[in-house]
Amino acid sequence: MSRASERAYAAIRAHVLSGSVAAGEQLTEDQLAQITGVSRTPVREAVRRLEDELLLVRSDTNRLFVADWSRDDIEEMFVLRQMLECHAAERAAKRLSREQIAALEALNRELTAAVEQSPPDVARFLEANRAFHEAIIDAAHSPRLGQLLARLVEAPVVLRTARTYSQDDLRQSARDHDELVAAFAARDGDWARAVMGSHLRRAFHTFARAVGPANDADDEEP
């Protein structure tokens, strides 16, 4: 991609992930050109990349929208993330250096400080949480795993999940991270896998409570 396309990609992606636009909201190339400060050609290149990442979708009439995932989409995303990130945690447990474990501890202190603010600083929590999980994925030393998880860890639904958390939910997330660090320090891959699994399932159920029960009609065959 050209430099202008890279700039457009970063700006549009940040705009979508910030929550400034609602799921299902229509976007136009003119709007995005104004937001990014570049012409429509690099905007089109950036949009194609964001469509590949499932952050933007097109209708049958070629109109562009912010992705709005169904309840089934959301549950599948969490299942896939659990499968991949549990594997990453198990691999990382055997590879993390003392310095990397210390860095994870520092990130979780930052996350905890954000949680204990009144009200909790969700943006600060999200940044520390993202860095914590990225550090684990990096330590797994699997480029393929990293590429697959990149589309799931920052999906809009993940960010919306965090914004539904109560302060107790946020504190539980920090405690989960503490236990992950303990598993890494013990070089126990099975323990790390188990903690990551429960951590992600808890996140899914928190989101599910916020959006309400699944619509049975959605599960019927057409």
C-alpha atoms as a PDB file:
ATOM      1  CA  MET A   1       0.000   0.000   0.000  1.00  0.00           C
ATOM      2  CA  SER A   2       1.093   3.587  -0.622  1.00  0.00           C
ATOM      3  CA  ARG A   3       1.903   5.907   2.248  1.00  0.00           C
ATOM      4  CA  ALA A   4      -1.414   7.708   1.742  1.00  0.00           C
ATOM      5  CA  SER A   5      -3.269   4.379   1.785  1.00  0.00           C
ATOM      6  CA  GLU A   6      -1.489   3.334   4.981  1.00  0.00           C
ATOM      7  CA  ARG A   7      -2.452   6.638   6.579  1.00  0.00           C
ATOM      8  CA  ALA A   8      -6.051   6.218   5.456  1.00  0.00           C
ATOM      9  CA  TYR A   9      -6.123   2.633   6.718  1.00  0.00           C
ATOM     10  CA  ALA A  10      -4.856   3.623  10.180  1.00  0.00           C
ATOM     11  CA  ALA A  11      -7.273   6.551  10.450  1.00  0.00           C
ATOM     12  CA  ILE A  12     -10.364   4.629   9.321  1.00  0.00           C
ATOM     13  CA  ARG A  13      -9.514   1.634  11.486  1.00  0.00           C
ATOM     14  CA  ALA A  14      -9.074   3.852  14.551  1.00  0.00           C
ATOM     15  CA  HIS A  15     -12.353   5.624  13.738  1.00  0.00           C
ATOM     16  CA  VAL A  16     -14.244   2.320  13.591  1.00  0.00           C
ATOM     17  CA  LEU A  17     -12.621   0.770  16.665  1.00  0.00           C
ATOM     18  CA  SER A  18     -13.107   3.918  18.759  1.00  0.00           C
ATOM     19  CA  GLY A  19     -16.861   3.439  18.738  1.00  0.00           C
ATOM     20  CA  SER A  20     -17.394   6.791  17.006  1.00  0.00           C
ATOM     21  CA  VAL A  21     -19.593   4.988  14.484  1.00  0.00           C
ATOM     22  CA  ALA A  22     -22.238   2.466  15.430  1.00  0.00           C
ATOM     23  CA  ALA A  23     -22.336  -1.119  14.231  1.00  0.00           C
ATOM     24  CA  GLY A  24     -24.387  -1.230  11.045  1.00  0.00           C
ATOM     25  CA  GLU A  25     -23.860   2.459  10.271  1.00  0.00           C
ATOM     26  CA  GLN A  26     -23.345   3.341   6.616  1.00  0.00           C
ATOM     27  CA  LEU A  27     -20.117   5.025   5.506  1.00  0.00           C
ATOM     28  CA  THR A  28     -19.268   6.715   2.226  1.00  0.00           C
ATOM     29  CA  GLU A  29     -15.944   7.239   0.498  1.00  0.00           C
ATOM     30  CA  ASP A  30     -16.486  11.010   0.681  1.00  0.00           C
ATOM     31  CA  GLN A  31     -16.938  10.836   4.468  1.00  0.00           C
ATOM     32  CA  LEU A  32     -13.838   8.699   4.853  1.00  0.00           C
ATOM     33  CA  ALA A  33     -11.800  10.997   2.604  1.00  0.00           C
ATOM     34  CA  GLN A  34     -12.724  13.915   4.860  1.00  0.00           C
ATOM     35  CA  ILE A  35     -11.845  11.956   8.006  1.00  0.00           C
ATOM     36  CA  THR A  36      -8.491  10.812   6.667  1.00  0.00           C
ATOM     37  CA  GLY A  37      -7.489  13.906   4.708  1.00  0.00           C
ATOM     38  CA  VAL A  38      -6.550  11.909   1.606  1.00  0.00           C
ATOM     39  CA  SER A  39      -8.126  11.402  -1.809  1.00  0.00           C
ATOM     40  CA  ARG A  40     -10.638   8.690  -2.630  1.00  0.00           C
ATOM     41  CA  THR A  41      -8.131   6.390  -4.349  1.00  0.00           C
ATOM     42  CA  PRO A  42      -6.102   5.604  -1.180  1.00  0.00           C
ATOM     43  CA  VAL A  43      -9.372   5.462   0.759  1.00  0.00           C
ATOM     44  CA  ARG A  44     -10.585   2.699  -1.566  1.00  0.00           C
ATOM     45  CA  GLU A  45      -7.366   0.736  -0.996  1.00  0.00           C
ATOM     46  CA  ALA A  46      -7.713   1.139   2.774  1.00  0.00           C
ATOM     47  CA  VAL A  47     -11.370   0.101   2.671  1.00  0.00           C
ATOM     48  CA  ARG A  48     -10.538  -3.106   0.791  1.00  0.00           C
ATOM     49  CA  ARG A  49      -8.061  -4.033   3.522  1.00  0.00           C
ATOM     50  CA  LEU A  50     -10.615  -3.286   6.250  1.00  0.00           C
ATOM     51  CA  GLU A  51     -13.165  -5.429   4.426  1.00  0.00           C
ATOM     52  CA  ASP A  52     -10.638  -8.274   4.476  1.00  0.00           C
ATOM     53  CA  GLU A  53     -10.357  -7.765   8.251  1.00  0.00           C
ATOM     54  CA  LEU A  54     -14.179  -7.923   8.556  1.00  0.00           C
ATOM     55  CA  LEU A  55     -14.365  -4.468  10.128  1.00  0.00           C
ATOM     56  CA  LEU A  56     -16.312  -3.125   7.135  1.00  0.00           C
ATOM     57  CA  VAL A  57     -18.824  -4.938   4.941  1.00  0.00           C
ATOM     58  CA  ARG A  58     -20.627  -4.216   1.654  1.00  0.00           C
ATOM     59  CA  SER A  59     -24.269  -4.761   0.889  1.00  0.00           C
ATOM     60  CA  ASP A  60     -25.617  -6.347  -2.285  1.00  0.00           C
ATOM     61  CA  THR A  61     -26.009  -2.818  -3.632  1.00  0.00           C
ATOM     62  CA  ASN A  62     -22.314  -2.076  -2.927  1.00  0.00           C
ATOM     63  CA  ARG A  63     -22.999   0.268  -0.017  1.00  0.00           C
ATOM     64  CA  LEU A  64     -20.394   0.265   2.754  1.00  0.00           C
ATOM     65  CA  PHE A  65     -21.256  -0.375   6.415  1.00  0.00           C
ATOM     66  CA  VAL A  66     -19.538  -0.855   9.753  1.00  0.00           C
ATOM     67  CA  ALA A  67     -19.711  -4.581  10.485  1.00  0.00           C
ATOM     68  CA  ASP A  68     -22.629  -5.571  12.705  1.00  0.00           C
ATOM     69  CA  TRP A  69     -22.120  -9.117  13.917  1.00  0.00           C
ATOM     70  CA  SER A  70     -25.027 -11.380  14.795  1.00  0.00           C
ATOM     71  CA  ARG A  71     -25.180 -13.254  18.121  1.00  0.00           C
ATOM     72  CA  ASP A  72     -24.006 -16.374  16.273  1.00  0.00           C
ATOM     73  CA  ASP A  73     -21.094 -14.440  14.732  1.00  0.00           C
ATOM     74  CA  ILE A  74     -20.125 -13.169  18.177  1.00  0.00           C
ATOM     75  CA  GLU A  75     -20.153 -16.592  19.798  1.00  0.00           C
ATOM     76  CA  GLU A  76     -18.123 -18.070  16.934  1.00  0.00           C
ATOM     77  CA  MET A  77     -15.569 -15.264  17.268  1.00  0.00           C
ATOM     78  CA  PHE A  78     -15.117 -16.025  20.959  1.00  0.00           C
ATOM     79  CA  VAL A  79     -14.846 -19.779  20.295  1.00  0.00           C
ATOM     80  CA  LEU A  80     -12.179 -19.234  17.635  1.00  0.00           C
ATOM     81  CA  ARG A  81     -10.302 -16.779  19.801  1.00  0.00           C
ATOM     82  CA  GLN A  82     -10.395 -19.224  22.707  1.00  0.00           C
ATOM     83  CA  MET A  83      -8.997 -22.045  20.577  1.00  0.00           C
ATOM     84  CA  LEU A  84      -6.162 -19.918  19.221  1.00  0.00           C
ATOM     85  CA  GLU A  85      -5.282 -17.839  22.251  1.00  0.00           C
ATOM     86  CA  CYS A  86      -5.292 -20.841  24.600  1.00  0.00           C
ATOM     87  CA  HIS A  87      -2.739 -22.410  22.272  1.00  0.00           C
ATOM     88  CA  ALA A  88      -0.741 -19.162  22.316  1.00  0.00           C
ATOM     89  CA  ALA A  89      -0.751 -19.104  26.136  1.00  0.00           C
ATOM     90  CA  GLU A  90       0.457 -22.707  26.300  1.00  0.00           C
ATOM     91  CA  ARG A  91       3.300 -21.975  23.859  1.00  0.00           C
ATOM     92  CA  ALA A  92       4.208 -18.725  25.606  1.00  0.00           C
ATOM     93  CA  ALA A  93       4.505 -20.455  28.985  1.00  0.00           C
ATOM     94  CA  LYS A  94       7.506 -22.368  27.646  1.00  0.00           C
ATOM     95  CA  ARG A  95       9.145 -19.380  25.969  1.00  0.00           C
ATOM     96  CA  LEU A  96       8.626 -16.219  28.042  1.00  0.00           C
ATOM     97  CA  SER A  97      11.804 -14.784  29.569  1.00  0.00           C
ATOM     98  CA  ARG A  98      11.919 -13.319  33.078  1.00  0.00           C
ATOM     99  CA  GLU A  99      12.031  -9.867  31.536  1.00  0.00           C
ATOM    100  CA  GLN A 100       8.934 -10.576  29.449  1.00  0.00           C
ATOM    101  CA  ILE A 101       7.066 -11.887  32.489  1.00  0.00           C
ATOM    102  CA  ALA A 102       8.060  -8.732  34.389  1.00  0.00           C
ATOM    103  CA  ALA A 103       6.697  -6.672  31.482  1.00  0.00           C
ATOM    104  CA  LEU A 104       3.383  -8.545  31.710  1.00  0.00           C
ATOM    105  CA  GLU A 105       3.242  -7.797  35.423  1.00  0.00           C
ATOM    106  CA  ALA A 106       3.820  -4.098  34.702  1.00  0.00           C
ATOM    107  CA  LEU A 107       1.053  -4.070  32.079  1.00  0.00           C
ATOM    108  CA  ASN A 108      -1.367  -5.655  34.511  1.00  0.00           C
ATOM    109  CA  ARG A 109      -0.490  -3.060  37.151  1.00  0.00           C
ATOM    110  CA  GLU A 110      -1.370  -0.412  34.565  1.00  0.00           C
ATOM    111  CA  LEU A 111      -4.620  -2.229  33.796  1.00  0.00           C
ATOM    112  CA  THR A 112      -5.475  -2.515  37.502  1.00  0.00           C
ATOM    113  CA  ALA A 113      -4.797   1.183  38.067  1.00  0.00           C
ATOM    114  CA  ALA A 114      -7.242   1.977  35.251  1.00  0.00           C
ATOM    115  CA  VAL A 115      -9.867  -0.275  36.827  1.00  0.00           C
ATOM    116  CA  GLU A 116      -9.532   1.344  40.252  1.00  0.00           C
ATOM    117  CA  GLN A 117     -10.157   4.853  38.975  1.00  0.00           C
ATOM    118  CA  SER A 118     -13.584   6.296  39.700  1.00  0.00           C
ATOM    119  CA  PRO A 119     -15.141   5.802  37.255  1.00  0.00           C
ATOM    120  CA  PRO A 120     -12.883   3.150  35.679  1.00  0.00           C
ATOM    121  CA  ASP A 121     -10.837   4.413  32.729  1.00  0.00           C
ATOM    122  CA  VAL A 122     -12.070   1.954  30.074  1.00  0.00           C
ATOM    123  CA  ALA A 123      -9.866   3.384  27.302  1.00  0.00           C
ATOM    124  CA  ARG A 124      -6.760   2.938  29.479  1.00  0.00           C
ATOM    125  CA  PHE A 125      -7.944  -0.552  30.457  1.00  0.00           C
ATOM    126  CA  LEU A 126      -8.403  -1.498  26.792  1.00  0.00           C
ATOM    127  CA  GLU A 127      -4.923  -0.300  25.824  1.00  0.00           C
ATOM    128  CA  ALA A 128      -3.222  -2.199  28.666  1.00  0.00           C
ATOM    129  CA  ASN A 129      -5.343  -5.281  27.974  1.00  0.00           C
ATOM    130  CA  ARG A 130      -4.475  -5.185  24.266  1.00  0.00           C
ATOM    131  CA  ALA A 131      -0.758  -4.867  25.034  1.00  0.00           C
ATOM    132  CA  PHE A 132      -0.952  -7.737  27.576  1.00  0.00           C
ATOM    133  CA  HIS A 133      -2.560 -10.150  25.118  1.00  0.00           C
ATOM    134  CA  GLU A 134      -0.300  -9.059  22.256  1.00  0.00           C
ATOM    135  CA  ALA A 135       2.761  -9.760  24.427  1.00  0.00           C
ATOM    136  CA  ILE A 136       1.526 -13.314  25.003  1.00  0.00           C
ATOM    137  CA  ILE A 137       0.893 -13.831  21.284  1.00  0.00           C
ATOM    138  CA  ASP A 138       4.349 -12.455  20.428  1.00  0.00           C
ATOM    139  CA  ALA A 139       5.959 -14.769  22.984  1.00  0.00           C
ATOM    140  CA  ALA A 140       4.295 -17.784  21.367  1.00  0.00           C
ATOM    141  CA  HIS A 141       6.681 -17.257  18.399  1.00  0.00           C
ATOM    142  CA  SER A 142       4.137 -18.304  15.787  1.00  0.00           C
ATOM    143  CA  PRO A 143       3.635 -15.776  12.957  1.00  0.00           C
ATOM    144  CA  ARG A 144       0.687 -17.735  11.606  1.00  0.00           C
ATOM    145  CA  LEU A 145      -1.018 -17.700  14.984  1.00  0.00           C
ATOM    146  CA  GLY A 146      -0.391 -13.976  15.304  1.00  0.00           C
ATOM    147  CA  GLN A 147      -1.930 -13.235  11.912  1.00  0.00           C
ATOM    148  CA  LEU A 148      -5.046 -15.250  12.687  1.00  0.00           C
ATOM    149  CA  LEU A 149      -5.542 -13.681  16.108  1.00  0.00           C
ATOM    150  CA  ALA A 150      -4.977 -10.125  14.909  1.00  0.00           C
ATOM    151  CA  ARG A 151      -8.441 -10.117  13.307  1.00  0.00           C
ATOM    152  CA  LEU A 152     -10.134 -11.404  16.470  1.00  0.00           C
ATOM    153  CA  VAL A 153      -8.428  -9.576  19.317  1.00  0.00           C
ATOM    154  CA  GLU A 154      -9.385  -6.104  18.049  1.00  0.00           C
ATOM    155  CA  ALA A 155     -12.724  -6.945  16.519  1.00  0.00           C
ATOM    156  CA  PRO A 156     -15.325  -4.290  17.358  1.00  0.00           C
ATOM    157  CA  VAL A 157     -17.256  -6.802  19.446  1.00  0.00           C
ATOM    158  CA  VAL A 158     -14.245  -7.179  21.766  1.00  0.00           C
ATOM    159  CA  LEU A 159     -14.191  -3.445  22.382  1.00  0.00           C
ATOM    160  CA  ARG A 160     -17.941  -3.344  22.919  1.00  0.00           C
ATOM    161  CA  THR A 161     -17.593  -6.205  25.418  1.00  0.00           C
ATOM    162  CA  ALA A 162     -15.175  -4.215  27.551  1.00  0.00           C
ATOM    163  CA  ARG A 163     -17.556  -1.264  27.599  1.00  0.00           C
ATOM    164  CA  THR A 164     -20.295  -3.481  29.102  1.00  0.00           C
ATOM    165  CA  TYR A 165     -18.069  -4.539  32.018  1.00  0.00           C
ATOM    166  CA  SER A 166     -18.924  -3.508  35.552  1.00  0.00           C
ATOM    167  CA  GLN A 167     -16.053  -2.562  37.847  1.00  0.00           C
ATOM    168  CA  ASP A 168     -16.241  -6.060  39.369  1.00  0.00           C
ATOM    169  CA  ASP A 169     -15.929  -7.567  35.868  1.00  0.00           C
ATOM    170  CA  LEU A 170     -12.872  -5.403  35.189  1.00  0.00           C
ATOM    171  CA  ARG A 171     -11.305  -6.447  38.491  1.00  0.00           C
ATOM    172  CA  GLN A 172     -11.925 -10.098  37.635  1.00  0.00           C
ATOM    173  CA  SER A 173     -10.128  -9.570  34.332  1.00  0.00           C
ATOM    174  CA  ALA A 174      -7.131  -8.204  36.210  1.00  0.00           C
ATOM    175  CA  ARG A 175      -7.188 -11.204  38.559  1.00  0.00           C
ATOM    176  CA  ASP A 176      -7.264 -13.551  35.563  1.00  0.00           C
ATOM    177  CA  HIS A 177      -4.170 -11.784  34.243  1.00  0.00           C
ATOM    178  CA  ASP A 178      -2.450 -12.215  37.622  1.00  0.00           C
ATOM    179  CA  GLU A 179      -3.108 -15.948  37.437  1.00  0.00           C
ATOM    180  CA  LEU A 180      -1.823 -16.096  33.868  1.00  0.00           C
ATOM    181  CA  VAL A 181       1.409 -14.436  34.993  1.00  0.00           C
ATOM    182  CA  ALA A 182       1.687 -16.999  37.811  1.00  0.00           C
ATOM    183  CA  ALA A 183       1.236 -19.828  35.292  1.00  0.00           C
ATOM    184  CA  PHE A 184       3.896 -18.327  33.046  1.00  0.00           C
ATOM    185  CA  ALA A 185       6.312 -17.931  35.959  1.00  0.00           C
ATOM    186  CA  ALA A 186       5.756 -21.625  36.776  1.00  0.00           C
ATOM    187  CA  ARG A 187       6.357 -22.577  33.104  1.00  0.00           C
ATOM    188  CA  ASP A 188       3.083 -24.496  33.264  1.00  0.00           C
ATOM    189  CA  GLY A 189       1.506 -24.562  29.828  1.00  0.00           C
ATOM    190  CA  ASP A 190      -1.537 -26.576  30.925  1.00  0.00           C
ATOM    191  CA  TRP A 191      -2.303 -24.056  33.667  1.00  0.00           C
ATOM    192  CA  ALA A 192      -1.881 -21.117  31.287  1.00  0.00           C
ATOM    193  CA  ARG A 193      -4.177 -22.739  28.725  1.00  0.00           C
ATOM    194  CA  ALA A 194      -6.872 -23.373  31.361  1.00  0.00           C
ATOM    195  CA  VAL A 195      -6.760 -19.827  32.736  1.00  0.00           C
ATOM    196  CA  MET A 196      -6.895 -18.270  29.274  1.00  0.00           C
ATOM    197  CA  GLY A 197      -9.879 -20.452  28.405  1.00  0.00           C
ATOM    198  CA  SER A 198     -11.893 -19.434  31.450  1.00  0.00           C
ATOM    199  CA  HIS A 199     -10.856 -15.789  30.972  1.00  0.00           C
ATOM    200  CA  LEU A 200     -12.244 -15.696  27.427  1.00  0.00           C
ATOM    201  CA  ARG A 201     -15.412 -17.645  28.220  1.00  0.00           C
ATOM    202  CA  ARG A 202     -16.130 -15.202  31.030  1.00  0.00           C
ATOM    203  CA  ALA A 203     -15.716 -12.336  28.551  1.00  0.00           C
ATOM    204  CA  PHE A 204     -18.216 -13.956  26.197  1.00  0.00           C
ATOM    205  CA  HIS A 205     -20.839 -14.453  28.908  1.00  0.00           C
ATOM    206  CA  THR A 206     -20.401 -10.856  30.058  1.00  0.00           C
ATOM    207  CA  PHE A 207     -21.158  -9.706  26.523  1.00  0.00           C
ATOM    208  CA  ALA A 208     -24.041 -12.171  26.197  1.00  0.00           C
ATOM    209  CA  ARG A 209     -25.661 -10.799  29.344  1.00  0.00           C
ATOM    210  CA  ALA A 210     -25.413  -7.280  27.953  1.00  0.00           C
ATOM    211  CA  VAL A 211     -26.952  -8.054  24.546  1.00  0.00           C
ATOM    212  CA  GLY A 212     -29.611 -10.386  25.905  1.00  0.00           C
ATOM    213  CA  PRO A 213     -30.597 -13.949  24.982  1.00  0.00           C
ATOM    214  CA  ALA A 214     -30.180 -15.276  21.483  1.00  0.00           C
ATOM    215  CA  ASN A 215     -33.210 -14.997  19.211  1.00  0.00           C
ATOM    216  CA  ASP A 216     -34.466 -18.515  18.633  1.00  0.00           C
ATOM    217  CA  ALA A 217     -35.742 -17.466  15.237  1.00  0.00           C
ATOM    218  CA  ASP A 218     -32.154 -16.766  14.203  1.00  0.00           C
ATOM    219  CA  ASP A 219     -31.333 -20.438  14.732  1.00  0.00           C
ATOM    220  CA  GLU A 220     -34.108 -21.790  12.513  1.00  0.00           C
ATOM    221  CA  GLU A 221     -33.323 -23.141   9.084  1.00  0.00           C
ATOM    222  CA  PRO A 222     -34.503 -20.853   6.240  1.00  0.00           C
END
